């Protein structure tokens, strides 16, 4: 497992039992070897496939994943069948499914938090969903060509929307593919005047 494919907070011991994603089989002068990963977004996707039968069956689809391995991830999901709650399916009864995924990602001191976000075809709605756990008041698409948007949040939730060291907004931007600027309600009203 190359250093880039490891979760930086994990320490591996000889004989440890770990799930990994097989990325490739390479050949060099010594012969064949496998390249495995625990930090890839595809690893998280495969964990969801193992734990959530609705994803395995195709009833619920993973639309996008943004991940900072060992710290936090956001997964955008949607249902292709009416009457199926995609977020509820991923969380499971009493959180059993998401806890199983989090426990697999917890190999050491720090637990990786996984946020499940409802994907939407409407970009404004998807951007509003992506900034969770913060609530958003409105989304303004400032430049659709360069994919830039401003999300207005209640003043008291400004720091929650940004996240520690900007992590929440950074993951939201990765998840949606849009450059996101967060503004508090009062700051945005002042800009409009």
Protein backbone atom coordinates (compact mmCIF):
# COMPACT_ATOMS: atom_id res chain seq x y z
CA UNK A 1 0.00 0.00 0.00
CA UNK A 2 1.78 3.17 -1.19
CA UNK A 3 1.84 6.08 1.23
CA UNK A 4 -0.60 8.07 -0.95
CA UNK A 5 -3.16 5.25 -0.63
CA UNK A 6 -3.05 5.13 3.18
CA UNK A 7 -5.21 7.04 5.62
CA UNK A 8 -2.71 9.35 7.33
CA UNK A 9 -4.18 8.76 10.81
CA UNK A 10 -3.86 4.97 10.59
CA UNK A 11 -0.95 2.86 11.75
CA UNK A 12 -0.77 -0.66 10.39
CA UNK A 13 0.56 -3.65 12.28
CA UNK A 14 1.77 -6.89 10.75
CA UNK A 15 -1.07 -9.39 10.84
CA UNK A 16 -3.84 -6.78 11.02
CA UNK A 17 -7.09 -7.69 9.30
CA UNK A 18 -8.10 -4.76 7.06
CA UNK A 19 -10.42 -4.20 4.14
CA UNK A 20 -8.73 -2.56 1.18
CA UNK A 21 -9.57 -1.68 -2.41
CA UNK A 22 -7.54 -3.43 -5.08
CA UNK A 23 -6.57 -0.59 -7.43
CA UNK A 24 -4.28 -2.42 -9.82
CA UNK A 25 -1.88 -5.29 -10.40
CA UNK A 26 1.53 -4.03 -11.49
CA UNK A 27 4.61 -5.74 -12.87
CA UNK A 28 8.22 -4.77 -12.20
CA UNK A 29 11.63 -6.52 -12.23
CA UNK A 30 10.73 -8.55 -9.13
CA UNK A 31 7.41 -9.76 -10.54
CA UNK A 32 3.78 -8.93 -9.99
CA UNK A 33 2.46 -6.95 -7.06
CA UNK A 34 -0.90 -5.52 -6.01
CA UNK A 35 -1.54 -1.84 -5.34
CA UNK A 36 -4.24 -1.47 -2.68
CA UNK A 37 -5.90 1.59 -1.17
CA UNK A 38 -7.85 2.69 1.90
CA UNK A 39 -7.91 6.39 1.01
CA UNK A 40 -9.60 6.24 -2.40
CA UNK A 41 -13.20 7.49 -2.77
CA UNK A 42 -13.81 4.17 -4.58
CA UNK A 43 -12.94 2.35 -1.33
CA UNK A 44 -15.77 4.23 0.41
CA UNK A 45 -18.10 3.42 -2.49
CA UNK A 46 -17.29 -0.29 -2.18
CA UNK A 47 -17.98 -0.18 1.58
CA UNK A 48 -21.42 1.25 0.81
CA UNK A 49 -21.97 -1.54 -1.74
CA UNK A 50 -21.15 -4.12 0.95
CA UNK A 51 -23.34 -2.59 3.67
CA UNK A 52 -26.36 -1.17 1.79
CA UNK A 53 -28.42 -3.74 -0.16
CA UNK A 54 -30.35 -0.95 -1.94
CA UNK A 55 -27.10 0.28 -3.50
CA UNK A 56 -26.09 -3.26 -4.46
CA UNK A 57 -29.50 -3.80 -6.14
CA UNK A 58 -29.42 -0.42 -7.92
CA UNK A 59 -32.46 1.02 -6.12
CA UNK A 60 -30.23 3.71 -4.58
CA UNK A 61 -27.33 5.22 -6.53
CA UNK A 62 -24.21 6.98 -5.32
CA UNK A 63 -23.93 10.08 -7.51
CA UNK A 64 -20.76 11.66 -6.09
CA UNK A 65 -18.22 11.23 -3.31
CA UNK A 66 -15.93 13.83 -1.76
CA UNK A 67 -13.45 12.53 0.75
CA UNK A 68 -10.68 13.71 3.04
CA UNK A 69 -9.48 10.28 4.24
CA UNK A 70 -9.34 9.82 7.99
CA UNK A 71 -11.34 12.98 8.66
CA UNK A 72 -14.62 13.45 6.80
CA UNK A 73 -16.52 12.41 3.69
CA UNK A 74 -19.68 13.46 1.89
CA UNK A 75 -21.65 11.02 -0.24
CA UNK A 76 -24.44 12.22 -2.56
CA UNK A 77 -27.17 9.62 -3.12
CA UNK A 78 -30.46 9.39 -4.98
CA UNK A 79 -33.25 6.86 -5.27
CA UNK A 80 -34.33 5.47 -8.64
CA UNK A 81 -37.50 3.93 -7.16
CA UNK A 82 -40.39 5.88 -5.69
CA UNK A 83 -40.97 5.27 -2.03
CA UNK A 84 -37.34 4.45 -1.22
CA UNK A 85 -35.57 6.93 1.07
CA UNK A 86 -31.95 6.98 -0.14
CA UNK A 87 -30.57 8.59 3.03
CA UNK A 88 -32.55 6.26 5.30
CA UNK A 89 -31.35 3.26 3.29
CA UNK A 90 -27.72 4.29 3.75
CA UNK A 91 -28.08 5.07 7.45
CA UNK A 92 -30.06 1.93 8.24
CA UNK A 93 -32.26 1.21 11.23
CA UNK A 94 -30.75 2.91 14.30
CA UNK A 95 -27.72 3.86 12.17
CA UNK A 96 -26.49 0.29 11.88
CA UNK A 97 -25.32 0.54 8.24
CA UNK A 98 -23.51 3.87 8.47
CA UNK A 99 -21.95 2.80 11.78
CA UNK A 100 -20.57 -0.36 10.14
CA UNK A 101 -18.99 1.81 7.42
CA UNK A 102 -17.61 4.30 9.97
CA UNK A 103 -16.20 1.46 12.08
CA UNK A 104 -14.37 0.08 9.05
CA UNK A 105 -12.87 3.52 8.40
CA UNK A 106 -11.89 3.82 12.07
CA UNK A 107 -8.54 2.15 12.41
CA UNK A 108 -6.73 4.19 14.98
CA UNK A 109 -7.56 7.22 17.08
CA UNK A 110 -9.75 9.26 14.76
CA UNK A 111 -13.09 8.29 13.26
CA UNK A 112 -13.96 9.43 9.74
CA UNK A 113 -17.35 11.15 9.74
CA UNK A 114 -19.53 10.31 6.73
CA UNK A 115 -22.29 12.74 5.72
CA UNK A 116 -24.97 11.43 3.39
CA UNK A 117 -26.38 14.13 1.13
CA UNK A 118 -29.50 13.97 -1.04
CA UNK A 119 -28.52 14.48 -4.69
CA UNK A 120 -30.79 16.59 -6.85
CA UNK A 121 -30.87 17.29 -10.59
CA UNK A 122 -31.56 20.97 -9.78
CA UNK A 123 -28.13 22.46 -9.02
CA UNK A 124 -29.45 25.06 -6.56
CA UNK A 125 -31.15 22.34 -4.48
CA UNK A 126 -28.06 20.12 -4.67
CA UNK A 127 -25.82 22.99 -3.54
CA UNK A 128 -28.18 23.71 -0.63
CA UNK A 129 -28.12 20.04 0.38
CA UNK A 130 -24.33 19.79 0.03
CA UNK A 131 -23.59 22.38 2.72
CA UNK A 132 -25.30 20.30 5.41
CA UNK A 133 -25.23 19.99 8.43
CA UNK A 134 -25.66 23.76 8.09
CA UNK A 135 -28.99 25.06 6.82
CA UNK A 136 -28.96 27.37 3.83
CA UNK A 137 -31.29 30.25 3.09
CA UNK A 138 -30.68 30.57 -0.63
CA UNK A 139 -28.26 29.82 -3.44
CA UNK A 140 -27.16 32.39 -6.00
CA UNK A 141 -25.46 31.05 -9.11
CA UNK A 142 -22.91 33.83 -9.67
CA UNK A 143 -21.33 32.39 -12.82
CA UNK A 144 -22.73 29.25 -14.46
CA UNK A 145 -19.93 29.01 -17.06
CA UNK A 146 -17.17 28.85 -14.44
CA UNK A 147 -19.48 27.01 -12.02
CA UNK A 148 -19.36 29.54 -9.18
CA UNK A 149 -22.09 29.96 -6.57
CA UNK A 150 -22.80 31.82 -3.36
CA UNK A 151 -24.67 30.03 -0.60
CA UNK A 152 -26.37 32.28 1.94
CA UNK A 153 -26.70 30.80 5.43
CA UNK A 154 -28.17 32.08 8.70
CA UNK A 155 -25.58 34.24 10.52
CA UNK A 156 -25.47 31.88 13.50
CA UNK A 157 -24.64 28.93 11.21
CA UNK A 158 -21.86 30.64 9.24
CA UNK A 159 -19.00 28.84 11.02
CA UNK A 160 -20.86 25.49 10.75
CA UNK A 161 -21.25 26.02 6.99
CA UNK A 162 -17.53 26.75 6.59
CA UNK A 163 -16.47 23.91 8.90
CA UNK A 164 -13.22 23.43 10.78
CA UNK A 165 -10.39 24.82 8.62
CA UNK A 166 -12.89 25.25 5.77
CA UNK A 167 -13.47 21.49 5.50
CA UNK A 168 -17.27 21.53 5.09
CA UNK A 169 -17.29 24.04 2.23
CA UNK A 170 -14.25 22.36 0.63
CA UNK A 171 -15.98 18.96 0.61
CA UNK A 172 -19.20 20.54 -0.69
CA UNK A 173 -17.25 22.11 -3.56
CA UNK A 174 -15.61 18.75 -4.39
CA UNK A 175 -18.95 16.97 -4.19
CA UNK A 176 -20.81 19.36 -6.47
CA UNK A 177 -17.99 20.44 -8.78
CA UNK A 178 -18.81 24.12 -8.08
CA UNK A 179 -16.69 26.83 -6.48
CA UNK A 180 -18.69 27.83 -3.40
CA UNK A 181 -18.60 31.11 -1.50
CA UNK A 182 -20.43 31.18 1.87
CA UNK A 183 -22.08 34.39 3.06
CA UNK A 184 -24.04 35.09 6.22
CA UNK A 185 -27.52 36.61 5.77
CA UNK A 186 -26.58 40.04 7.11
CA UNK A 187 -23.37 40.17 5.04
CA UNK A 188 -25.31 39.23 1.90
CA UNK A 189 -28.00 41.88 2.58
CA UNK A 190 -25.26 44.52 2.93
CA UNK A 191 -23.79 43.44 -0.44
CA UNK A 192 -27.19 43.77 -2.13
CA UNK A 193 -27.70 47.36 -0.91
